[in-house]
Amino acid sequence: MYYSVSLQKGETATLRPQVLTLMLAAGFILLIACANLAGLTLVRVLRRTPEIATRLALGASRWQIQKQLWVENLLLAFAGGIAGIAVGLVALRGLLLLLPEHFLPGPTYPWTVGCWHLHFLSRC
């Protein structure tokens, strides 16, 4: 009995378990990083409890305090996102320089990846 297999599936079938394992490991590392960041944010807010209590005692509304904390966290997240995209672009450019000259078909533009991420982040 004869059957056909797509070229992509035939060429990459042996690498699929390794790629899935690598993706799972990267996902766990990202999960650990997110948990660490949440803990650091919680500690930062807990250290500011006396400041927040003073602001409440001086007449600030809860909404004003929440707005200030949201703005600070969003600015930190935005700065971290920009820094992450910059590091990713530099790393991508460095990795592309390590590849043989004609390894990838066609021209590769590392900034298109960064532009796609910026476009995606602007939609969120």
PDB file of N, CA and C in Angstrom:
ATOM      1  N   MET A   1       0.834  -1.164   0.000  1.00  0.00           N
ATOM      2  CA  MET A   1       0.000   0.000   0.000  1.00  0.00           C
ATOM      3  C   MET A   1       0.889   1.241   0.000  1.00  0.00           C
ATOM      4  N   TYR A   2       0.549   2.169  -0.838  1.00  0.00           N
ATOM      5  CA  TYR A   2       1.316   3.389  -0.977  1.00  0.00           C
ATOM      6  C   TYR A   2       0.521   4.567  -0.410  1.00  0.00           C
ATOM      7  N   TYR A   3       1.228   5.484   0.161  1.00  0.00           N
ATOM      8  CA  TYR A   3       0.587   6.703   0.663  1.00  0.00           C
ATOM      9  C   TYR A   3       1.579   7.854   0.513  1.00  0.00           C
ATOM     10  N   SER A   4       1.034   9.038   0.535  1.00  0.00           N
ATOM     11  CA  SER A   4       1.901  10.209   0.384  1.00  0.00           C
ATOM     12  C   SER A   4       1.899  11.019   1.678  1.00  0.00           C
ATOM     13  N   VAL A   5       3.028  11.646   1.896  1.00  0.00           N
ATOM     14  CA  VAL A   5       3.198  12.500   3.072  1.00  0.00           C
ATOM     15  C   VAL A   5       3.702  13.845   2.564  1.00  0.00           C
ATOM     16  N   SER A   6       3.184  14.911   3.132  1.00  0.00           N
ATOM     17  CA  SER A   6       3.635  16.231   2.694  1.00  0.00           C
ATOM     18  C   SER A   6       5.135  16.374   2.962  1.00  0.00           C
ATOM     19  N   LEU A   7       5.766  17.189   2.143  1.00  0.00           N
ATOM     20  CA  LEU A   7       7.205  17.373   2.263  1.00  0.00           C
ATOM     21  C   LEU A   7       7.575  17.936   3.638  1.00  0.00           C
ATOM     22  N   GLN A   8       6.810  18.914   4.098  1.00  0.00           N
ATOM     23  CA  GLN A   8       7.117  19.516   5.393  1.00  0.00           C
ATOM     24  C   GLN A   8       7.005  18.485   6.510  1.00  0.00           C
ATOM     25  N   LYS A   9       5.941  17.700   6.505  1.00  0.00           N
ATOM     26  CA  LYS A   9       5.754  16.702   7.552  1.00  0.00           C
ATOM     27  C   LYS A   9       6.831  15.618   7.458  1.00  0.00           C
ATOM     28  N   GLY A  10       7.195  15.232   6.268  1.00  0.00           N
ATOM     29  CA  GLY A  10       8.214  14.214   6.103  1.00  0.00           C
ATOM     30  C   GLY A  10       9.589  14.663   6.566  1.00  0.00           C
ATOM     31  N   GLU A  11       9.906  15.926   6.330  1.00  0.00           N
ATOM     32  CA  GLU A  11      11.230  16.440   6.691  1.00  0.00           C
ATOM     33  C   GLU A  11      11.343  16.793   8.166  1.00  0.00           C
ATOM     34  N   THR A  12      10.229  17.191   8.778  1.00  0.00           N
ATOM     35  CA  THR A  12      10.295  17.680  10.153  1.00  0.00           C
ATOM     36  C   THR A  12       9.733  16.715  11.177  1.00  0.00           C
ATOM     37  N   ALA A  13       9.308  15.533  10.766  1.00  0.00           N
ATOM     38  CA  ALA A  13       8.687  14.589  11.698  1.00  0.00           C
ATOM     39  C   ALA A  13       9.652  14.155  12.807  1.00  0.00           C
ATOM     40  N   THR A  14      10.934  14.022  12.481  1.00  0.00           N
ATOM     41  CA  THR A  14      11.885  13.571  13.494  1.00  0.00           C
ATOM     42  C   THR A  14      12.229  14.682  14.496  1.00  0.00           C
ATOM     43  N   LEU A  15      12.054  15.936  14.076  1.00  0.00           N
ATOM     44  CA  LEU A  15      12.392  17.053  14.963  1.00  0.00           C
ATOM     45  C   LEU A  15      11.227  17.504  15.838  1.00  0.00           C
ATOM     46  N   ARG A  16      10.020  17.047  15.535  1.00  0.00           N
ATOM     47  CA  ARG A  16       8.839  17.525  16.252  1.00  0.00           C
ATOM     48  C   ARG A  16       8.920  17.327  17.765  1.00  0.00           C
ATOM     49  N   PRO A  17       9.313  16.165  18.288  1.00  0.00           N
ATOM     50  CA  PRO A  17       9.377  16.018  19.751  1.00  0.00           C
ATOM     51  C   PRO A  17      10.386  16.966  20.400  1.00  0.00           C
ATOM     52  N   GLN A  18      11.531  17.171  19.757  1.00  0.00           N
ATOM     53  CA  GLN A  18      12.528  18.070  20.328  1.00  0.00           C
ATOM     54  C   GLN A  18      12.021  19.512  20.343  1.00  0.00           C
ATOM     55  N   VAL A  19      11.351  19.927  19.288  1.00  0.00           N
ATOM     56  CA  VAL A  19      10.836  21.291  19.215  1.00  0.00           C
ATOM     57  C   VAL A  19       9.735  21.491  20.251  1.00  0.00           C
ATOM     58  N   LEU A  20       8.860  20.520  20.403  1.00  0.00           N
ATOM     59  CA  LEU A  20       7.805  20.631  21.409  1.00  0.00           C
ATOM     60  C   LEU A  20       8.384  20.678  22.820  1.00  0.00           C
ATOM     61  N   THR A  21       9.416  19.888  23.086  1.00  0.00           N
ATOM     62  CA  THR A  21      10.068  19.917  24.398  1.00  0.00           C
ATOM     63  C   THR A  21      10.707  21.281  24.644  1.00  0.00           C
ATOM     64  N   LEU A  22      11.343  21.831  23.625  1.00  0.00           N
ATOM     65  CA  LEU A  22      11.965  23.142  23.754  1.00  0.00           C
ATOM     66  C   LEU A  22      10.915  24.227  23.988  1.00  0.00           C
ATOM     67  N   MET A  23       9.796  24.152  23.287  1.00  0.00           N
ATOM     68  CA  MET A  23       8.731  25.121  23.485  1.00  0.00           C
ATOM     69  C   MET A  23       8.132  24.998  24.879  1.00  0.00           C
ATOM     70  N   LEU A  24       7.978  23.790  25.377  1.00  0.00           N
ATOM     71  CA  LEU A  24       7.462  23.582  26.720  1.00  0.00           C
ATOM     72  C   LEU A  24       8.418  24.154  27.764  1.00  0.00           C
ATOM     73  N   ALA A  25       9.709  23.940  27.585  1.00  0.00           N
ATOM     74  CA  ALA A  25      10.700  24.487  28.512  1.00  0.00           C
ATOM     75  C   ALA A  25      10.665  26.014  28.487  1.00  0.00           C
ATOM     76  N   ALA A  26      10.563  26.603  27.309  1.00  0.00           N
ATOM     77  CA  ALA A  26      10.485  28.067  27.213  1.00  0.00           C
ATOM     78  C   ALA A  26       9.215  28.584  27.884  1.00  0.00           C
ATOM     79  N   GLY A  27       8.118  27.861  27.733  1.00  0.00           N
ATOM     80  CA  GLY A  27       6.874  28.251  28.389  1.00  0.00           C
ATOM     81  C   GLY A  27       6.998  28.221  29.905  1.00  0.00           C
ATOM     82  N   PHE A  28       7.657  27.195  30.447  1.00  0.00           N
ATOM     83  CA  PHE A  28       7.857  27.128  31.894  1.00  0.00           C
ATOM     84  C   PHE A  28       8.753  28.262  32.389  1.00  0.00           C
ATOM     85  N   ILE A  29       9.762  28.598  31.620  1.00  0.00           N
ATOM     86  CA  ILE A  29      10.639  29.705  32.009  1.00  0.00           C
ATOM     87  C   ILE A  29       9.854  31.011  32.021  1.00  0.00           C
ATOM     88  N   LEU A  30       8.999  31.219  31.024  1.00  0.00           N
ATOM     89  CA  LEU A  30       8.168  32.418  31.000  1.00  0.00           C
ATOM     90  C   LEU A  30       7.180  32.428  32.166  1.00  0.00           C
ATOM     91  N   LEU A  31       6.632  31.274  32.507  1.00  0.00           N
ATOM     92  CA  LEU A  31       5.715  31.186  33.649  1.00  0.00           C
ATOM     93  C   LEU A  31       6.429  31.542  34.953  1.00  0.00           C
ATOM     94  N   ILE A  32       7.635  31.053  35.134  1.00  0.00           N
ATOM     95  CA  ILE A  32       8.420  31.375  36.329  1.00  0.00           C
ATOM     96  C   ILE A  32       8.740  32.869  36.366  1.00  0.00           C
ATOM     97  N   ALA A  33       9.087  33.438  35.211  1.00  0.00           N
ATOM     98  CA  ALA A  33       9.389  34.870  35.161  1.00  0.00           C
ATOM     99  C   ALA A  33       8.155  35.705  35.500  1.00  0.00           C
ATOM    100  N   CYS A  34       6.990  35.301  35.008  1.00  0.00           N
ATOM    101  CA  CYS A  34       5.760  36.037  35.317  1.00  0.00           C
ATOM    102  C   CYS A  34       5.422  35.947  36.796  1.00  0.00           C
ATOM    103  N   ALA A  35       5.589  34.780  37.396  1.00  0.00           N
ATOM    104  CA  ALA A  35       5.334  34.629  38.831  1.00  0.00           C
ATOM    105  C   ALA A  35       6.308  35.479  39.643  1.00  0.00           C
ATOM    106  N   ASN A  36       7.555  35.530  39.221  1.00  0.00           N
ATOM    107  CA  ASN A  36       8.552  36.346  39.901  1.00  0.00           C
ATOM    108  C   ASN A  36       8.193  37.828  39.798  1.00  0.00           C
ATOM    109  N   LEU A  37       7.766  38.262  38.635  1.00  0.00           N
ATOM    110  CA  LEU A  37       7.384  39.653  38.443  1.00  0.00           C
ATOM    111  C   LEU A  37       6.157  40.012  39.274  1.00  0.00           C
ATOM    112  N   ALA A  38       5.204  39.103  39.363  1.00  0.00           N
ATOM    113  CA  ALA A  38       4.016  39.352  40.184  1.00  0.00           C
ATOM    114  C   ALA A  38       4.402  39.479  41.652  1.00  0.00           C
ATOM    115  N   GLY A  39       5.309  38.645  42.107  1.00  0.00           N
ATOM    116  CA  GLY A  39       5.781  38.737  43.484  1.00  0.00           C
ATOM    117  C   GLY A  39       6.494  40.044  43.758  1.00  0.00           C
ATOM    118  N   LEU A  40       7.336  40.477  42.811  1.00  0.00           N
ATOM    119  CA  LEU A  40       8.047  41.747  42.989  1.00  0.00           C
ATOM    120  C   LEU A  40       7.080  42.928  43.015  1.00  0.00           C
ATOM    121  N   THR A  41       6.057  42.885  42.184  1.00  0.00           N
ATOM    122  CA  THR A  41       5.059  43.948  42.179  1.00  0.00           C
ATOM    123  C   THR A  41       4.287  43.974  43.497  1.00  0.00           C
ATOM    124  N   LEU A  42       3.948  42.809  44.013  1.00  0.00           N
ATOM    125  CA  LEU A  42       3.244  42.732  45.288  1.00  0.00           C
ATOM    126  C   LEU A  42       4.095  43.294  46.421  1.00  0.00           C
ATOM    127  N   VAL A  43       5.371  42.959  46.450  1.00  0.00           N
ATOM    128  CA  VAL A  43       6.267  43.475  47.480  1.00  0.00           C
ATOM    129  C   VAL A  43       6.389  44.987  47.370  1.00  0.00           C
ATOM    130  N   ARG A  44       6.452  45.498  46.149  1.00  0.00           N
ATOM    131  CA  ARG A  44       6.567  46.941  45.957  1.00  0.00           C
ATOM    132  C   ARG A  44       5.332  47.668  46.487  1.00  0.00           C
ATOM    133  N   VAL A  45       4.157  47.107  46.247  1.00  0.00           N
ATOM    134  CA  VAL A  45       2.927  47.731  46.743  1.00  0.00           C
ATOM    135  C   VAL A  45       2.855  47.623  48.266  1.00  0.00           C
ATOM    136  N   LEU A  46       3.258  46.494  48.825  1.00  0.00           N
ATOM    137  CA  LEU A  46       3.217  46.333  50.276  1.00  0.00           C
ATOM    138  C   LEU A  46       4.176  47.284  50.976  1.00  0.00           C
ATOM    139  N   ARG A  47       5.298  47.575  50.379  1.00  0.00           N
ATOM    140  CA  ARG A  47       6.238  48.537  50.968  1.00  0.00           C
ATOM    141  C   ARG A  47       5.687  49.954  50.931  1.00  0.00           C
ATOM    142  N   ARG A  48       4.770  50.206  50.029  1.00  0.00           N
ATOM    143  CA  ARG A  48       4.202  51.547  49.898  1.00  0.00           C
ATOM    144  C   ARG A  48       2.923  51.713  50.707  1.00  0.00           C
ATOM    145  N   THR A  49       2.576  50.737  51.515  1.00  0.00           N
ATOM    146  CA  THR A  49       1.359  50.816  52.317  1.00  0.00           C
ATOM    147  C   THR A  49       1.335  52.057  53.215  1.00  0.00           C
ATOM    148  N   PRO A  50       2.433  52.394  53.928  1.00  0.00           N
ATOM    149  CA  PRO A  50       2.390  53.627  54.731  1.00  0.00           C
ATOM    150  C   PRO A  50       2.160  54.882  53.886  1.00  0.00           C
ATOM    151  N   GLU A  51       2.771  54.925  52.708  1.00  0.00           N
ATOM    152  CA  GLU A  51       2.568  56.087  51.830  1.00  0.00           C
ATOM    153  C   GLU A  51       1.114  56.179  51.390  1.00  0.00           C
ATOM    154  N   ILE A  52       0.535  55.043  51.026  1.00  0.00           N
ATOM    155  CA  ILE A  52      -0.857  55.039  50.587  1.00  0.00           C
ATOM    156  C   ILE A  52      -1.771  55.433  51.739  1.00  0.00           C
ATOM    157  N   ALA A  53      -1.489  54.955  52.946  1.00  0.00           N
ATOM    158  CA  ALA A  53      -2.296  55.326  54.111  1.00  0.00           C
ATOM    159  C   ALA A  53      -2.198  56.824  54.379  1.00  0.00           C
ATOM    160  N   THR A  54      -1.015  57.392  54.216  1.00  0.00           N
ATOM    161  CA  THR A  54      -0.851  58.831  54.410  1.00  0.00           C
ATOM    162  C   THR A  54      -1.647  59.609  53.379  1.00  0.00           C
ATOM    163  N   ARG A  55      -1.600  59.172  52.141  1.00  0.00           N
ATOM    164  CA  ARG A  55      -2.362  59.854  51.089  1.00  0.00           C
ATOM    165  C   ARG A  55      -3.861  59.782  51.357  1.00  0.00           C
ATOM    166  N   LEU A  56      -4.330  58.618  51.819  1.00  0.00           N
ATOM    167  CA  LEU A  56      -5.743  58.495  52.164  1.00  0.00           C
ATOM    168  C   LEU A  56      -6.099  59.424  53.328  1.00  0.00           C
ATOM    169  N   ALA A  57      -5.209  59.516  54.314  1.00  0.00           N
ATOM    170  CA  ALA A  57      -5.470  60.380  55.469  1.00  0.00           C
ATOM    171  C   ALA A  57      -5.484  61.855  55.075  1.00  0.00           C
ATOM    172  N   LEU A  58      -4.706  62.207  54.056  1.00  0.00           N
ATOM    173  CA  LEU A  58      -4.665  63.603  53.609  1.00  0.00           C
ATOM    174  C   LEU A  58      -5.802  63.955  52.660  1.00  0.00           C
ATOM    175  N   GLY A  59      -6.627  62.984  52.305  1.00  0.00           N
ATOM    176  CA  GLY A  59      -7.817  63.299  51.516  1.00  0.00           C
ATOM    177  C   GLY A  59      -7.829  62.781  50.096  1.00  0.00           C
ATOM    178  N   ALA A  60      -6.851  62.000  49.696  1.00  0.00           N
ATOM    179  CA  ALA A  60      -6.867  61.434  48.337  1.00  0.00           C
ATOM    180  C   ALA A  60      -7.930  60.346  48.264  1.00  0.00           C
ATOM    181  N   SER A  61      -8.622  60.291  47.155  1.00  0.00           N
ATOM    182  CA  SER A  61      -9.643  59.247  46.997  1.00  0.00           C
ATOM    183  C   SER A  61      -8.976  57.928  46.595  1.00  0.00           C
ATOM    184  N   ARG A  62      -9.699  56.865  46.794  1.00  0.00           N
ATOM    185  CA  ARG A  62      -9.171  55.550  46.399  1.00  0.00           C
ATOM    186  C   ARG A  62      -8.937  55.500  44.889  1.00  0.00           C
ATOM    187  N   TRP A  63      -9.812  56.143  44.140  1.00  0.00           N
ATOM    188  CA  TRP A  63      -9.666  56.168  42.692  1.00  0.00           C
ATOM    189  C   TRP A  63      -8.358  56.837  42.282  1.00  0.00           C
ATOM    190  N   GLN A  64      -7.976  57.939  42.931  1.00  0.00           N
ATOM    191  CA  GLN A  64      -6.731  58.629  42.596  1.00  0.00           C
ATOM    192  C   GLN A  64      -5.520  57.749  42.889  1.00  0.00           C
ATOM    193  N   ILE A  65      -5.565  57.047  44.002  1.00  0.00           N
ATOM    194  CA  ILE A  65      -4.449  56.169  44.359  1.00  0.00           C
ATOM    195  C   ILE A  65      -4.372  54.991  43.393  1.00  0.00           C
ATOM    196  N   GLN A  66      -5.528  54.399  43.069  1.00  0.00           N
ATOM    197  CA  GLN A  66      -5.534  53.289  42.104  1.00  0.00           C
ATOM    198  C   GLN A  66      -5.024  53.748  40.749  1.00  0.00           C
ATOM    199  N   LYS A  67      -5.453  54.950  40.342  1.00  0.00           N
ATOM    200  CA  LYS A  67      -5.011  55.469  39.048  1.00  0.00           C
ATOM    201  C   LYS A  67      -3.495  55.651  39.035  1.00  0.00           C
ATOM    202  N   GLN A  68      -2.933  56.175  40.117  1.00  0.00           N
ATOM    203  CA  GLN A  68      -1.484  56.362  40.190  1.00  0.00           C
ATOM    204  C   GLN A  68      -0.754  55.021  40.102  1.00  0.00           C
ATOM    205  N   LEU A  69      -1.239  54.024  40.848  1.00  0.00           N
ATOM    206  CA  LEU A  69      -0.588  52.708  40.815  1.00  0.00           C
ATOM    207  C   LEU A  69      -0.707  52.067  39.435  1.00  0.00           C
ATOM    208  N   TRP A  70      -1.865  52.213  38.780  1.00  0.00           N
ATOM    209  CA  TRP A  70      -2.039  51.659  37.432  1.00  0.00           C
ATOM    210  C   TRP A  70      -1.082  52.322  36.446  1.00  0.00           C
ATOM    211  N   VAL A  71      -0.985  53.648  36.521  1.00  0.00           N
ATOM    212  CA  VAL A  71      -0.111  54.363  35.583  1.00  0.00           C
ATOM    213  C   VAL A  71       1.341  53.939  35.785  1.00  0.00           C
ATOM    214  N   GLU A  72       1.768  53.818  37.049  1.00  0.00           N
ATOM    215  CA  GLU A  72       3.148  53.394  37.307  1.00  0.00           C
ATOM    216  C   GLU A  72       3.405  51.992  36.761  1.00  0.00           C
ATOM    217  N   ASN A  73       2.484  51.067  36.994  1.00  0.00           N
ATOM    218  CA  ASN A  73       2.670  49.699  36.510  1.00  0.00           C
ATOM    219  C   ASN A  73       2.626  49.622  34.989  1.00  0.00           C
ATOM    220  N   LEU A  74       1.743  50.404  34.368  1.00  0.00           N
ATOM    221  CA  LEU A  74       1.683  50.387  32.906  1.00  0.00           C
ATOM    222  C   LEU A  74       2.942  50.994  32.290  1.00  0.00           C
ATOM    223  N   LEU A  75       3.477  52.037  32.908  1.00  0.00           N
ATOM    224  CA  LEU A  75       4.739  52.604  32.402  1.00  0.00           C
ATOM    225  C   LEU A  75       5.882  51.606  32.527  1.00  0.00           C
ATOM    226  N   LEU A  76       5.930  50.896  33.648  1.00  0.00           N
ATOM    227  CA  LEU A  76       6.960  49.865  33.801  1.00  0.00           C
ATOM    228  C   LEU A  76       6.790  48.753  32.764  1.00  0.00           C
ATOM    229  N   ALA A  77       5.550  48.342  32.537  1.00  0.00           N
ATOM    230  CA  ALA A  77       5.299  47.286  31.554  1.00  0.00           C
ATOM    231  C   ALA A  77       5.671  47.751  30.151  1.00  0.00           C
ATOM    232  N   PHE A  78       5.331  48.994  29.818  1.00  0.00           N
ATOM    233  CA  PHE A  78       5.666  49.525  28.496  1.00  0.00           C
ATOM    234  C   PHE A  78       7.173  49.608  28.305  1.00  0.00           C
ATOM    235  N   ALA A  79       7.876  50.106  29.323  1.00  0.00           N
ATOM    236  CA  ALA A  79       9.336  50.197  29.231  1.00  0.00           C
ATOM    237  C   ALA A  79       9.955  48.804  29.117  1.00  0.00           C
ATOM    238  N   GLY A  80       9.432  47.839  29.872  1.00  0.00           N
ATOM    239  CA  GLY A  80       9.932  46.469  29.774  1.00  0.00           C
ATOM    240  C   GLY A  80       9.664  45.856  28.407  1.00  0.00           C
ATOM    241  N   GLY A  81       8.503  46.154  27.839  1.00  0.00           N
ATOM    242  CA  GLY A  81       8.192  45.648  26.498  1.00  0.00           C
ATOM    243  C   GLY A  81       9.111  46.222  25.439  1.00  0.00           C
ATOM    244  N   ILE A  82       9.363  47.520  25.516  1.00  0.00           N
ATOM    245  CA  ILE A  82      10.276  48.153  24.552  1.00  0.00           C
ATOM    246  C   ILE A  82      11.680  47.579  24.705  1.00  0.00           C
ATOM    247  N   ALA A  83      12.124  47.412  25.958  1.00  0.00           N
ATOM    248  CA  ALA A  83      13.457  46.847  26.181  1.00  0.00           C
ATOM    249  C   ALA A  83      13.528  45.408  25.669  1.00  0.00           C
ATOM    250  N   GLY A  84      12.466  44.636  25.875  1.00  0.00           N
ATOM    251  CA  GLY A  84      12.441  43.257  25.393  1.00  0.00           C
ATOM    252  C   GLY A  84      12.488  43.177  23.877  1.00  0.00           C
ATOM    253  N   ILE A  85      11.756  44.043  23.211  1.00  0.00           N
ATOM    254  CA  ILE A  85      11.785  44.056  21.746  1.00  0.00           C
ATOM    255  C   ILE A  85      13.171  44.459  21.249  1.00  0.00           C
ATOM    256  N   ALA A  86      13.792  45.437  21.906  1.00  0.00           N
ATOM    257  CA  ALA A  86      15.133  45.868  21.491  1.00  0.00           C
ATOM    258  C   ALA A  86      16.146  44.740  21.667  1.00  0.00           C
ATOM    259  N   VAL A  87      16.097  44.063  22.811  1.00  0.00           N
ATOM    260  CA  VAL A  87      17.022  42.943  23.040  1.00  0.00           C
ATOM    261  C   VAL A  87      16.744  41.817  22.045  1.00  0.00           C
ATOM    262  N   GLY A  88      15.473  41.565  21.772  1.00  0.00           N
ATOM    263  CA  GLY A  88      15.128  40.528  20.802  1.00  0.00           C
ATOM    264  C   GLY A  88      15.639  40.832  19.406  1.00  0.00           C
ATOM    265  N   LEU A  89      15.530  42.097  18.992  1.00  0.00           N
ATOM    266  CA  LEU A  89      16.030  42.471  17.666  1.00  0.00           C
ATOM    267  C   LEU A  89      17.545  42.336  17.580  1.00  0.00           C
ATOM    268  N   VAL A  90      18.232  42.760  18.633  1.00  0.00           N
ATOM    269  CA  VAL A  90      19.698  42.637  18.641  1.00  0.00           C
ATOM    270  C   VAL A  90      20.099  41.165  18.626  1.00  0.00           C
ATOM    271  N   ALA A  91      19.407  40.341  19.424  1.00  0.00           N
ATOM    272  CA  ALA A  91      19.719  38.912  19.457  1.00  0.00           C
ATOM    273  C   ALA A  91      19.411  38.256  18.112  1.00  0.00           C
ATOM    274  N   LEU A  92      18.304  38.641  17.490  1.00  0.00           N
ATOM    275  CA  LEU A  92      17.948  38.069  16.192  1.00  0.00           C
ATOM    276  C   LEU A  92      18.982  38.439  15.132  1.00  0.00           C
ATOM    277  N   ARG A  93      19.393  39.687  15.162  1.00  0.00           N
ATOM    278  CA  ARG A  93      20.409  40.113  14.190  1.00  0.00           C
ATOM    279  C   ARG A  93      21.709  39.341  14.404  1.00  0.00           C
ATOM    280  N   GLY A  94      22.090  39.151  15.669  1.00  0.00           N
ATOM    281  CA  GLY A  94      23.304  38.393  15.964  1.00  0.00           C
ATOM    282  C   GLY A  94      23.193  36.943  15.540  1.00  0.00           C
ATOM    283  N   LEU A  95      22.037  36.341  15.772  1.00  0.00           N
ATOM    284  CA  LEU A  95      21.856  34.946  15.363  1.00  0.00           C
ATOM    285  C   LEU A  95      21.829  34.805  13.841  1.00  0.00           C
ATOM    286  N   LEU A  96      21.245  35.790  13.167  1.00  0.00           N
ATOM    287  CA  LEU A  96      21.239  35.730  11.702  1.00  0.00           C
ATOM    288  C   LEU A  96      22.647  35.866  11.128  1.00  0.00           C
ATOM    289  N   LEU A  97      23.518  36.579  11.827  1.00  0.00           N
ATOM    290  CA  LEU A  97      24.899  36.703  11.360  1.00  0.00           C
ATOM    291  C   LEU A  97      25.662  35.387  11.505  1.00  0.00           C
ATOM    292  N   LEU A  98      25.233  34.533  12.418  1.00  0.00           N
ATOM    293  CA  LEU A  98      25.901  33.249  12.627  1.00  0.00           C
ATOM    294  C   LEU A  98      25.535  32.210  11.568  1.00  0.00           C
ATOM    295  N   LEU A  99      24.417  32.424  10.866  1.00  0.00           N
ATOM    296  CA  LEU A  99      23.979  31.469   9.852  1.00  0.00           C
ATOM    297  C   LEU A  99      24.859  31.550   8.611  1.00  0.00           C
ATOM    298  N   PRO A 100      24.967  30.437   7.886  1.00  0.00           N
ATOM    299  CA  PRO A 100      25.668  30.501   6.593  1.00  0.00           C
ATOM    300  C   PRO A 100      24.979  31.488   5.661  1.00  0.00           C
ATOM    301  N   GLU A 101      25.704  31.930   4.651  1.00  0.00           N
ATOM    302  CA  GLU A 101      25.238  33.027   3.802  1.00  0.00           C
ATOM    303  C   GLU A 101      23.910  32.738   3.099  1.00  0.00           C
ATOM    304  N   HIS A 102      23.747  31.580   2.519  1.00  0.00           N
ATOM    305  CA  HIS A 102      22.527  31.274   1.757  1.00  0.00           C
ATOM    306  C   HIS A 102      21.681  30.231   2.480  1.00  0.00           C
ATOM    307  N   PHE A 103      21.642  30.278   3.790  1.00  0.00           N
ATOM    308  CA  PHE A 103      20.887  29.298   4.570  1.00  0.00           C
ATOM    309  C   PHE A 103      19.386  29.548   4.465  1.00  0.00           C
ATOM    310  N   LEU A 104      18.965  30.795   4.529  1.00  0.00           N
ATOM    311  CA  LEU A 104      17.547  31.142   4.440  1.00  0.00           C
ATOM    312  C   LEU A 104      17.229  31.642   3.040  1.00  0.00           C
ATOM    313  N   PRO A 105      16.079  31.230   2.485  1.00  0.00           N
ATOM    314  CA  PRO A 105      15.719  31.706   1.154  1.00  0.00           C
ATOM    315  C   PRO A 105      15.278  33.168   1.211  1.00  0.00           C
ATOM    316  N   GLY A 106      15.772  33.978   0.302  1.00  0.00           N
ATOM    317  CA  GLY A 106      15.367  35.373   0.212  1.00  0.00           C
ATOM    318  C   GLY A 106      16.016  36.227   1.276  1.00  0.00           C
ATOM    319  N   PRO A 107      15.810  37.528   1.169  1.00  0.00           N
ATOM    320  CA  PRO A 107      16.401  38.433   2.164  1.00  0.00           C
ATOM    321  C   PRO A 107      15.658  38.326   3.495  1.00  0.00           C
ATOM    322  N   THR A 108      16.387  38.460   4.576  1.00  0.00           N
ATOM    323  CA  THR A 108      15.770  38.429   5.898  1.00  0.00           C
ATOM    324  C   THR A 108      15.941  39.796   6.542  1.00  0.00           C
ATOM    325  N   TYR A 109      14.882  40.304   7.024  1.00  0.00           N
ATOM    326  CA  TYR A 109      14.888  41.615   7.657  1.00  0.00           C
ATOM    327  C   TYR A 109      14.472  41.458   9.111  1.00  0.00           C
ATOM    328  N   PRO A 110      15.410  41.552  10.051  1.00  0.00           N
ATOM    329  CA  PRO A 110      15.065  41.345  11.454  1.00  0.00           C
ATOM    330  C   PRO A 110      14.111  42.388  11.993  1.00  0.00           C
ATOM    331  N   TRP A 111      14.081  43.586  11.396  1.00  0.00           N
ATOM    332  CA  TRP A 111      13.200  44.606  11.947  1.00  0.00           C
ATOM    333  C   TRP A 111      11.735  44.310  11.644  1.00  0.00           C
ATOM    334  N   THR A 112      11.456  43.456  10.652  1.00  0.00           N
ATOM    335  CA  THR A 112      10.051  43.125  10.388  1.00  0.00           C
ATOM    336  C   THR A 112       9.449  42.362  11.553  1.00  0.00           C
ATOM    337  N   VAL A 113      10.250  41.570  12.251  1.00  0.00           N
ATOM    338  CA  VAL A 113       9.749  40.863  13.428  1.00  0.00           C
ATOM    339  C   VAL A 113       9.371  41.867  14.499  1.00  0.00           C
ATOM    340  N   GLY A 114      10.244  42.847  14.742  1.00  0.00           N
ATOM    341  CA  GLY A 114       9.956  43.871  15.738  1.00  0.00           C
ATOM    342  C   GLY A 114       8.743  44.702  15.360  1.00  0.00           C
ATOM    343  N   CYS A 115       8.607  45.027  14.081  1.00  0.00           N
ATOM    344  CA  CYS A 115       7.449  45.795  13.636  1.00  0.00           C
ATOM    345  C   CYS A 115       6.169  44.993  13.823  1.00  0.00           C
ATOM    346  N   TRP A 116       6.233  43.688  13.569  1.00  0.00           N
ATOM    347  CA  TRP A 116       5.050  42.854  13.775  1.00  0.00           C
ATOM    348  C   TRP A 116       4.669  42.845  15.250  1.00  0.00           C
ATOM    349  N   HIS A 117       5.673  42.743  16.144  1.00  0.00           N
ATOM    350  CA  HIS A 117       5.377  42.759  17.571  1.00  0.00           C
ATOM    351  C   HIS A 117       4.783  44.098  17.991  1.00  0.00           C
ATOM    352  N   LEU A 118       5.320  45.196  17.483  1.00  0.00           N
ATOM    353  CA  LEU A 118       4.769  46.492  17.813  1.00  0.00           C
ATOM    354  C   LEU A 118       3.350  46.628  17.318  1.00  0.00           C
ATOM    355  N   HIS A 119       3.079  46.110  16.112  1.00  0.00           N
ATOM    356  CA  HIS A 119       1.720  46.147  15.571  1.00  0.00           C
ATOM    357  C   HIS A 119       0.784  45.317  16.436  1.00  0.00           C
ATOM    358  N   PHE A 120       1.236  44.142  16.869  1.00  0.00           N
ATOM    359  CA  PHE A 120       0.417  43.288  17.717  1.00  0.00           C
ATOM    360  C   PHE A 120       0.157  43.962  19.061  1.00  0.00           C
ATOM    361  N   LEU A 121       1.192  44.555  19.664  1.00  0.00           N
ATOM    362  CA  LEU A 121       1.033  45.190  20.968  1.00  0.00           C
ATOM    363  C   LEU A 121       0.134  46.422  20.876  1.00  0.00           C
ATOM    364  N   SER A 122       0.147  47.111  19.748  1.00  0.00           N
ATOM    365  CA  SER A 122      -0.700  48.285  19.626  1.00  0.00           C
ATOM    366  C   SER A 122      -2.178  47.904  19.520  1.00  0.00           C
ATOM    367  N   ARG A 123      -2.469  46.658  19.120  1.00  0.00           N
ATOM    368  CA  ARG A 123      -3.845  46.192  19.020  1.00  0.00           C
ATOM    369  C   ARG A 123      -4.408  45.759  20.369  1.00  0.00           C
ATOM    370  N   CYS A 124      -3.534  45.438  21.330  1.00  0.00           N
ATOM    371  CA  CYS A 124      -4.001  44.947  22.641  1.00  0.00           C
ATOM    372  C   CYS A 124      -4.601  46.062  23.470  1.00  0.00           C
TER     373      CYS A 124
END
